[in-house]
Amino acid sequence: MTTVNTNSTATAVNDLMSTMNAKPKEVDSVQADTDKFMTLLVTQLKNQDPLNPLDNAQVTSQLAQLSTVTGVNKLNATLETLKSSYQSSEAMQATGLIGHGVLVEGSDVQLSGGKAILGVELATPADKVQLVVTDATGKEVATIDMGPQEAGIVPVAWDGVPNPDNLGADGKPLALADGKYSFKVVATRAGEELDDAKGLAFDSVASVTTNSKDGVKLNLPGKGAVAMSDIKQVL
């Protein structure tokens, strides 16, 4: 008949509970996990049943688990360091863009002084590319014919010239007033319209915002806050 020492069992339980509920210290998380594991292991060894000691395979398995957890924690710490370093580098790069014009995905174009900048992003080549400009009422007022284009990003300088049929009450060509217009891309290949052509709007970088949650953001007057990856081309 085996006799269980209740005092020893109570002590072991108290030791384990004290270890698990210990107040966290301001130490490295990897070292803290290692210390906690070793404390638990030593507590187990101190309070093991002499007639039924811990199996060597179990101890080896626990040590292997500790090694795995420690390795993962160290990897996470390294990745956080790399992430912080990357964000700092990206922030410096973004700051250099302040005051520069950029092209971002969009369908608005601002005519100022009879001139405007816009662009097109083509995923595949096109036999014919046109930009159809409309005013605030949705009326087509200008068509920019770009001809055939290869895949890629193509900036466009528009001189504000309207369609020939955009006539005033006197029958004369009606010049387009400065202001905001919209446009759409019509790209075709072998007579079929492509669905992988996107319009690009012109904007400028006013400032840069950096925080741990959203990373680096470029603040554009027209588009708002965008990521570095949203910038298609710097002009």
C-alpha atoms as a PDB file:
ATOM      1  CA  MET A   1       0.000   0.000   0.000  1.00  0.00           C
ATOM      2  CA  THR A   2       1.375   3.412  -0.998  1.00  0.00           C
ATOM      3  CA  THR A   3       1.159   6.262   1.485  1.00  0.00           C
ATOM      4  CA  VAL A   4       0.792   9.778   0.109  1.00  0.00           C
ATOM      5  CA  ASN A   5       2.401  12.573   2.075  1.00  0.00           C
ATOM      6  CA  THR A   6      -0.325  15.226   2.057  1.00  0.00           C
ATOM      7  CA  ASN A   7       2.026  17.893   3.415  1.00  0.00           C
ATOM      8  CA  SER A   8       4.489  17.274   0.583  1.00  0.00           C
ATOM      9  CA  THR A   9       1.661  17.343  -1.988  1.00  0.00           C
ATOM     10  CA  ALA A  10       0.295  20.605  -0.592  1.00  0.00           C
ATOM     11  CA  THR A  11       3.768  22.117  -0.710  1.00  0.00           C
ATOM     12  CA  ALA A  12       4.219  21.050  -4.325  1.00  0.00           C
ATOM     13  CA  VAL A  13       0.863  22.514  -5.311  1.00  0.00           C
ATOM     14  CA  ASN A  14       1.662  25.762  -3.529  1.00  0.00           C
ATOM     15  CA  ASP A  15       5.053  25.945  -5.224  1.00  0.00           C
ATOM     16  CA  LEU A  16       3.504  25.412  -8.652  1.00  0.00           C
ATOM     17  CA  MET A  17       0.729  27.959  -8.040  1.00  0.00           C
ATOM     18  CA  SER A  18       3.251  30.506  -6.798  1.00  0.00           C
ATOM     19  CA  THR A  19       5.304  29.997  -9.936  1.00  0.00           C
ATOM     20  CA  MET A  20       2.334  30.327 -12.290  1.00  0.00           C
ATOM     21  CA  ASN A  21       0.914  33.365 -10.509  1.00  0.00           C
ATOM     22  CA  ALA A  22       4.167  35.203 -10.003  1.00  0.00           C
ATOM     23  CA  LYS A  23       4.003  38.896 -10.843  1.00  0.00           C
ATOM     24  CA  PRO A  24       5.657  39.685 -14.176  1.00  0.00           C
ATOM     25  CA  LYS A  25       8.972  41.483 -14.096  1.00  0.00           C
ATOM     26  CA  GLU A  26      10.230  44.006 -16.574  1.00  0.00           C
ATOM     27  CA  VAL A  27      12.577  41.577 -18.325  1.00  0.00           C
ATOM     28  CA  ASP A  28      13.115  40.253 -21.808  1.00  0.00           C
ATOM     29  CA  SER A  29      10.144  38.065 -22.794  1.00  0.00           C
ATOM     30  CA  VAL A  30      12.363  35.239 -24.098  1.00  0.00           C
ATOM     31  CA  GLN A  31      14.376  35.136 -20.865  1.00  0.00           C
ATOM     32  CA  ALA A  32      11.168  35.380 -18.813  1.00  0.00           C
ATOM     33  CA  ASP A  33       9.675  32.339 -20.567  1.00  0.00           C
ATOM     34  CA  THR A  34      12.898  30.386 -20.074  1.00  0.00           C
ATOM     35  CA  ASP A  35      13.086  31.269 -16.379  1.00  0.00           C
ATOM     36  CA  LYS A  36       9.445  30.320 -15.825  1.00  0.00           C
ATOM     37  CA  PHE A  37       9.901  26.965 -17.556  1.00  0.00           C
ATOM     38  CA  MET A  38      13.059  26.127 -15.615  1.00  0.00           C
ATOM     39  CA  THR A  39      11.377  27.078 -12.344  1.00  0.00           C
ATOM     40  CA  LEU A  40       8.459  24.756 -13.124  1.00  0.00           C
ATOM     41  CA  LEU A  41      10.825  21.945 -14.103  1.00  0.00           C
ATOM     42  CA  VAL A  42      12.903  22.310 -10.931  1.00  0.00           C
ATOM     43  CA  THR A  43       9.707  22.396  -8.858  1.00  0.00           C
ATOM     44  CA  GLN A  44       8.563  19.166 -10.510  1.00  0.00           C
ATOM     45  CA  LEU A  45      11.916  17.500  -9.845  1.00  0.00           C
ATOM     46  CA  LYS A  46      11.994  18.623  -6.220  1.00  0.00           C
ATOM     47  CA  ASN A  47       8.499  17.335  -5.524  1.00  0.00           C
ATOM     48  CA  GLN A  48       8.470  14.174  -7.638  1.00  0.00           C
ATOM     49  CA  ASP A  49       7.482  10.869  -6.114  1.00  0.00           C
ATOM     50  CA  PRO A  50      10.721   8.976  -5.360  1.00  0.00           C
ATOM     51  CA  LEU A  51       8.928   5.713  -6.188  1.00  0.00           C
ATOM     52  CA  ASN A  52       7.705   7.096  -9.492  1.00  0.00           C
ATOM     53  CA  PRO A  53      10.233   9.681 -10.708  1.00  0.00           C
ATOM     54  CA  LEU A  54       9.859  11.709 -13.886  1.00  0.00           C
ATOM     55  CA  ASP A  55      10.618   9.771 -17.033  1.00  0.00           C
ATOM     56  CA  ASN A  56      13.784  10.880 -18.846  1.00  0.00           C
ATOM     57  CA  ALA A  57      11.846  10.979 -22.112  1.00  0.00           C
ATOM     58  CA  GLN A  58       9.330  13.392 -20.580  1.00  0.00           C
ATOM     59  CA  VAL A  59      12.076  15.714 -19.344  1.00  0.00           C
ATOM     60  CA  THR A  60      13.798  15.589 -22.746  1.00  0.00           C
ATOM     61  CA  SER A  61      10.482  16.342 -24.473  1.00  0.00           C
ATOM     62  CA  GLN A  62       9.862  19.325 -22.206  1.00  0.00           C
ATOM     63  CA  LEU A  63      13.345  20.684 -22.865  1.00  0.00           C
ATOM     64  CA  ALA A  64      12.766  20.290 -26.601  1.00  0.00           C
ATOM     65  CA  GLN A  65       9.505  22.236 -26.288  1.00  0.00           C
ATOM     66  CA  LEU A  66      11.321  24.953 -24.368  1.00  0.00           C
ATOM     67  CA  SER A  67      13.917  25.174 -27.137  1.00  0.00           C
ATOM     68  CA  THR A  68      11.174  25.484 -29.766  1.00  0.00           C
ATOM     69  CA  VAL A  69       9.274  28.174 -27.867  1.00  0.00           C
ATOM     70  CA  THR A  70      12.477  30.099 -27.161  1.00  0.00           C
ATOM     71  CA  GLY A  71      13.455  29.946 -30.828  1.00  0.00           C
ATOM     72  CA  VAL A  72      10.055  31.200 -31.959  1.00  0.00           C
ATOM     73  CA  ASN A  73      10.137  34.042 -29.434  1.00  0.00           C
ATOM     74  CA  LYS A  74      13.615  35.073 -30.561  1.00  0.00           C
ATOM     75  CA  LEU A  75      12.451  34.972 -34.191  1.00  0.00           C
ATOM     76  CA  ASN A  76       9.462  37.179 -33.328  1.00  0.00           C
ATOM     77  CA  ALA A  77      11.750  39.639 -31.552  1.00  0.00           C
ATOM     78  CA  THR A  78      14.049  39.727 -34.580  1.00  0.00           C
ATOM     79  CA  LEU A  79      11.116  40.312 -36.939  1.00  0.00           C
ATOM     80  CA  GLU A  80       9.851  43.189 -34.770  1.00  0.00           C
ATOM     81  CA  THR A  81      13.303  44.758 -34.914  1.00  0.00           C
ATOM     82  CA  LEU A  82      13.423  44.374 -38.705  1.00  0.00           C
ATOM     83  CA  LYS A  83       9.907  45.808 -38.994  1.00  0.00           C
ATOM     84  CA  SER A  84      10.868  48.850 -36.942  1.00  0.00           C
ATOM     85  CA  SER A  85      14.005  49.348 -39.017  1.00  0.00           C
ATOM     86  CA  TYR A  86      12.030  49.024 -42.264  1.00  0.00           C
ATOM     87  CA  GLN A  87       9.434  51.561 -41.102  1.00  0.00           C
ATOM     88  CA  SER A  88      12.189  54.032 -40.213  1.00  0.00           C
ATOM     89  CA  SER A  89      13.755  53.603 -43.640  1.00  0.00           C
ATOM     90  CA  GLU A  90      10.364  53.926 -45.345  1.00  0.00           C
ATOM     91  CA  ALA A  91       9.592  57.071 -43.329  1.00  0.00           C
ATOM     92  CA  MET A  92      12.835  58.701 -44.479  1.00  0.00           C
ATOM     93  CA  GLN A  93      12.075  57.763 -48.079  1.00  0.00           C
ATOM     94  CA  ALA A  94       8.532  59.112 -47.783  1.00  0.00           C
ATOM     95  CA  THR A  95       9.747  62.401 -46.307  1.00  0.00           C
ATOM     96  CA  GLY A  96      11.813  62.926 -49.441  1.00  0.00           C
ATOM     97  CA  LEU A  97       8.585  62.896 -51.486  1.00  0.00           C
ATOM     98  CA  ILE A  98       7.068  65.941 -49.754  1.00  0.00           C
ATOM     99  CA  GLY A  99       6.318  68.580 -52.387  1.00  0.00           C
ATOM    100  CA  HIS A 100       6.553  66.117 -55.291  1.00  0.00           C
ATOM    101  CA  GLY A 101       3.740  65.348 -57.705  1.00  0.00           C
ATOM    102  CA  VAL A 102       2.559  61.744 -57.831  1.00  0.00           C
ATOM    103  CA  LEU A 103       0.126  59.553 -59.738  1.00  0.00           C
ATOM    104  CA  VAL A 104      -2.330  57.453 -57.720  1.00  0.00           C
ATOM    105  CA  GLU A 105      -5.322  55.382 -58.769  1.00  0.00           C
ATOM    106  CA  GLY A 106      -8.270  57.690 -59.398  1.00  0.00           C
ATOM    107  CA  SER A 107     -10.644  59.157 -61.961  1.00  0.00           C
ATOM    108  CA  ASP A 108     -10.497  62.909 -61.241  1.00  0.00           C
ATOM    109  CA  VAL A 109      -8.521  65.494 -63.161  1.00  0.00           C
ATOM    110  CA  GLN A 110      -8.014  69.139 -62.226  1.00  0.00           C
ATOM    111  CA  LEU A 111      -7.760  71.597 -65.116  1.00  0.00           C
ATOM    112  CA  SER A 112      -5.760  74.671 -64.105  1.00  0.00           C
ATOM    113  CA  GLY A 113      -4.580  77.350 -66.501  1.00  0.00           C
ATOM    114  CA  GLY A 114      -5.757  75.180 -69.354  1.00  0.00           C
ATOM    115  CA  LYS A 115      -3.419  72.348 -68.349  1.00  0.00           C
ATOM    116  CA  ALA A 116      -3.740  69.114 -66.387  1.00  0.00           C
ATOM    117  CA  ILE A 117      -1.843  65.916 -65.621  1.00  0.00           C
ATOM    118  CA  LEU A 118      -3.374  62.447 -65.441  1.00  0.00           C
ATOM    119  CA  GLY A 119      -2.303  58.933 -66.330  1.00  0.00           C
ATOM    120  CA  VAL A 120      -3.102  55.362 -67.259  1.00  0.00           C
ATOM    121  CA  GLU A 121      -1.978  52.011 -65.850  1.00  0.00           C
ATOM    122  CA  LEU A 122      -2.176  49.098 -68.294  1.00  0.00           C
ATOM    123  CA  ALA A 123      -1.691  45.526 -67.105  1.00  0.00           C
ATOM    124  CA  THR A 124      -1.469  44.311 -70.722  1.00  0.00           C
ATOM    125  CA  PRO A 125      -0.701  45.992 -74.069  1.00  0.00           C
ATOM    126  CA  ALA A 126      -3.536  47.764 -75.888  1.00  0.00           C
ATOM    127  CA  ASP A 127      -4.045  48.519 -79.588  1.00  0.00           C
ATOM    128  CA  LYS A 128      -5.921  51.718 -78.752  1.00  0.00           C
ATOM    129  CA  VAL A 129      -6.237  53.799 -75.595  1.00  0.00           C
ATOM    130  CA  GLN A 130      -8.554  56.753 -75.089  1.00  0.00           C
ATOM    131  CA  LEU A 131      -9.305  58.908 -72.064  1.00  0.00           C
ATOM    132  CA  VAL A 132     -12.877  60.183 -72.068  1.00  0.00           C
ATOM    133  CA  VAL A 133     -13.288  63.350 -69.981  1.00  0.00           C
ATOM    134  CA  THR A 134     -16.663  64.375 -68.560  1.00  0.00           C
ATOM    135  CA  ASP A 135     -17.809  67.488 -66.721  1.00  0.00           C
ATOM    136  CA  ALA A 136     -19.803  67.738 -63.482  1.00  0.00           C
ATOM    137  CA  THR A 137     -23.041  66.940 -65.332  1.00  0.00           C
ATOM    138  CA  GLY A 138     -21.622  63.757 -66.856  1.00  0.00           C
ATOM    139  CA  LYS A 139     -21.375  65.248 -70.356  1.00  0.00           C
ATOM    140  CA  GLU A 140     -18.407  64.082 -72.450  1.00  0.00           C
ATOM    141  CA  VAL A 141     -16.387  67.207 -73.148  1.00  0.00           C
ATOM    142  CA  ALA A 142     -13.037  65.879 -74.347  1.00  0.00           C
ATOM    143  CA  THR A 143     -11.411  62.712 -75.666  1.00  0.00           C
ATOM    144  CA  ILE A 144      -7.672  62.172 -75.381  1.00  0.00           C
ATOM    145  CA  ASP A 145      -6.436  59.694 -77.984  1.00  0.00           C
ATOM    146  CA  MET A 146      -3.254  57.936 -76.857  1.00  0.00           C
ATOM    147  CA  GLY A 147      -3.029  55.400 -79.669  1.00  0.00           C
ATOM    148  CA  PRO A 148      -1.442  51.974 -79.022  1.00  0.00           C
ATOM    149  CA  GLN A 149       0.342  51.511 -75.687  1.00  0.00           C
ATOM    150  CA  GLU A 150       2.498  48.863 -74.060  1.00  0.00           C
ATOM    151  CA  ALA A 151       1.767  47.522 -70.582  1.00  0.00           C
ATOM    152  CA  GLY A 152       2.857  49.852 -67.809  1.00  0.00           C
ATOM    153  CA  ILE A 153       2.200  53.314 -66.436  1.00  0.00           C
ATOM    154  CA  VAL A 154       1.783  56.194 -68.865  1.00  0.00           C
ATOM    155  CA  PRO A 155       1.573  59.801 -67.599  1.00  0.00           C
ATOM    156  CA  VAL A 156      -0.456  62.175 -69.769  1.00  0.00           C
ATOM    157  CA  ALA A 157      -0.197  65.964 -70.071  1.00  0.00           C
ATOM    158  CA  TRP A 158      -3.577  67.317 -71.185  1.00  0.00           C
ATOM    159  CA  ASP A 159      -3.869  70.780 -72.699  1.00  0.00           C
ATOM    160  CA  GLY A 160      -7.590  71.073 -71.957  1.00  0.00           C
ATOM    161  CA  VAL A 161      -8.613  70.977 -75.614  1.00  0.00           C
ATOM    162  CA  PRO A 162     -12.324  70.009 -75.854  1.00  0.00           C
ATOM    163  CA  ASN A 163     -14.012  67.811 -78.432  1.00  0.00           C
ATOM    164  CA  PRO A 164     -14.678  69.559 -81.787  1.00  0.00           C
ATOM    165  CA  ASP A 165     -18.416  69.173 -81.236  1.00  0.00           C
ATOM    166  CA  ASN A 166     -18.268  70.974 -77.884  1.00  0.00           C
ATOM    167  CA  LEU A 167     -19.826  74.182 -79.231  1.00  0.00           C
ATOM    168  CA  GLY A 168     -21.248  77.206 -77.524  1.00  0.00           C
ATOM    169  CA  ALA A 169     -24.522  78.970 -78.293  1.00  0.00           C
ATOM    170  CA  ASP A 170     -22.779  80.925 -81.055  1.00  0.00           C
ATOM    171  CA  GLY A 171     -21.656  77.723 -82.758  1.00  0.00           C
ATOM    172  CA  LYS A 172     -18.012  78.296 -81.967  1.00  0.00           C
ATOM    173  CA  PRO A 173     -15.788  75.796 -80.067  1.00  0.00           C
ATOM    174  CA  LEU A 174     -16.336  76.219 -76.351  1.00  0.00           C
ATOM    175  CA  ALA A 175     -13.119  76.286 -74.317  1.00  0.00           C
ATOM    176  CA  LEU A 176     -13.181  74.265 -71.140  1.00  0.00           C
ATOM    177  CA  ALA A 177     -13.125  76.279 -67.940  1.00  0.00           C
ATOM    178  CA  ASP A 178     -10.629  75.516 -65.198  1.00  0.00           C
ATOM    179  CA  GLY A 179     -11.985  73.155 -62.567  1.00  0.00           C
ATOM    180  CA  LYS A 180     -12.533  69.550 -61.657  1.00  0.00           C
ATOM    181  CA  TYR A 181     -13.431  66.938 -64.268  1.00  0.00           C
ATOM    182  CA  SER A 182     -13.719  63.164 -64.325  1.00  0.00           C
ATOM    183  CA  PHE A 183     -12.348  60.688 -66.831  1.00  0.00           C
ATOM    184  CA  LYS A 184     -12.461  57.024 -67.719  1.00  0.00           C
ATOM    185  CA  VAL A 185     -10.032  54.808 -69.618  1.00  0.00           C
ATOM    186  CA  VAL A 186     -11.230  52.999 -72.726  1.00  0.00           C
ATOM    187  CA  ALA A 187      -8.573  50.511 -73.863  1.00  0.00           C
ATOM    188  CA  THR A 188      -9.099  47.896 -76.567  1.00  0.00           C
ATOM    189  CA  ARG A 189      -7.135  45.056 -78.117  1.00  0.00           C
ATOM    190  CA  ALA A 190      -8.260  43.267 -81.277  1.00  0.00           C
ATOM    191  CA  GLY A 191     -11.528  45.208 -81.065  1.00  0.00           C
ATOM    192  CA  GLU A 192     -12.351  44.064 -77.520  1.00  0.00           C
ATOM    193  CA  GLU A 193     -12.375  46.373 -74.533  1.00  0.00           C
ATOM    194  CA  LEU A 194      -9.872  45.535 -71.801  1.00  0.00           C
ATOM    195  CA  ASP A 195     -10.879  45.438 -68.152  1.00  0.00           C
ATOM    196  CA  ASP A 196      -7.343  45.727 -66.754  1.00  0.00           C
ATOM    197  CA  ALA A 197      -6.815  49.419 -67.596  1.00  0.00           C
ATOM    198  CA  LYS A 198      -6.969  51.899 -64.698  1.00  0.00           C
ATOM    199  CA  GLY A 199      -7.057  55.664 -64.560  1.00  0.00           C
ATOM    200  CA  LEU A 200      -4.427  57.544 -62.552  1.00  0.00           C
ATOM    201  CA  ALA A 201      -5.045  60.926 -60.951  1.00  0.00           C
ATOM    202  CA  PHE A 202      -2.403  63.559 -60.258  1.00  0.00           C
ATOM    203  CA  ASP A 203      -1.820  64.719 -56.689  1.00  0.00           C
ATOM    204  CA  SER A 204       1.019  66.052 -54.556  1.00  0.00           C
ATOM    205  CA  VAL A 205       2.560  64.915 -51.272  1.00  0.00           C
ATOM    206  CA  ALA A 206       1.805  67.488 -48.573  1.00  0.00           C
ATOM    207  CA  SER A 207       3.093  65.648 -45.492  1.00  0.00           C
ATOM    208  CA  VAL A 208       3.974  62.255 -44.014  1.00  0.00           C
ATOM    209  CA  THR A 209       2.424  60.508 -41.012  1.00  0.00           C
ATOM    210  CA  THR A 210       4.058  57.602 -39.178  1.00  0.00           C
ATOM    211  CA  ASN A 211       2.615  55.419 -36.407  1.00  0.00           C
ATOM    212  CA  SER A 212       2.987  51.828 -35.212  1.00  0.00           C
ATOM    213  CA  LYS A 213      -0.553  50.839 -36.260  1.00  0.00           C
ATOM    214  CA  ASP A 214      -0.806  52.149 -39.829  1.00  0.00           C
ATOM    215  CA  GLY A 215       2.869  52.468 -40.654  1.00  0.00           C
ATOM    216  CA  VAL A 216       3.936  55.242 -43.028  1.00  0.00           C
ATOM    217  CA  LYS A 217       1.210  57.255 -44.742  1.00  0.00           C
ATOM    218  CA  LEU A 218       1.532  59.978 -47.359  1.00  0.00           C
ATOM    219  CA  ASN A 219      -1.010  62.776 -47.010  1.00  0.00           C
ATOM    220  CA  LEU A 220      -2.288  64.012 -50.371  1.00  0.00           C
ATOM    221  CA  PRO A 221      -4.598  67.073 -50.607  1.00  0.00           C
ATOM    222  CA  GLY A 222      -6.954  65.378 -53.054  1.00  0.00           C
ATOM    223  CA  LYS A 223      -6.732  61.681 -52.225  1.00  0.00           C
ATOM    224  CA  GLY A 224      -6.118  61.825 -48.487  1.00  0.00           C
ATOM    225  CA  ALA A 225      -3.810  59.417 -46.661  1.00  0.00           C
ATOM    226  CA  VAL A 226      -2.310  56.678 -48.844  1.00  0.00           C
ATOM    227  CA  ALA A 227       0.385  54.042 -48.391  1.00  0.00           C
ATOM    228  CA  MET A 228       3.698  54.126 -50.206  1.00  0.00           C
ATOM    229  CA  SER A 229       2.533  51.170 -52.290  1.00  0.00           C
ATOM    230  CA  ASP A 230      -0.386  53.264 -53.603  1.00  0.00           C
ATOM    231  CA  ILE A 231       2.002  55.640 -55.372  1.00  0.00           C
ATOM    232  CA  LYS A 232       2.188  54.521 -58.991  1.00  0.00           C
ATOM    233  CA  GLN A 233       4.687  57.099 -60.191  1.00  0.00           C
ATOM    234  CA  VAL A 234       6.564  60.110 -58.839  1.00  0.00           C
ATOM    235  CA  LEU A 235       6.711  63.021 -61.251  1.00  0.00           C
END
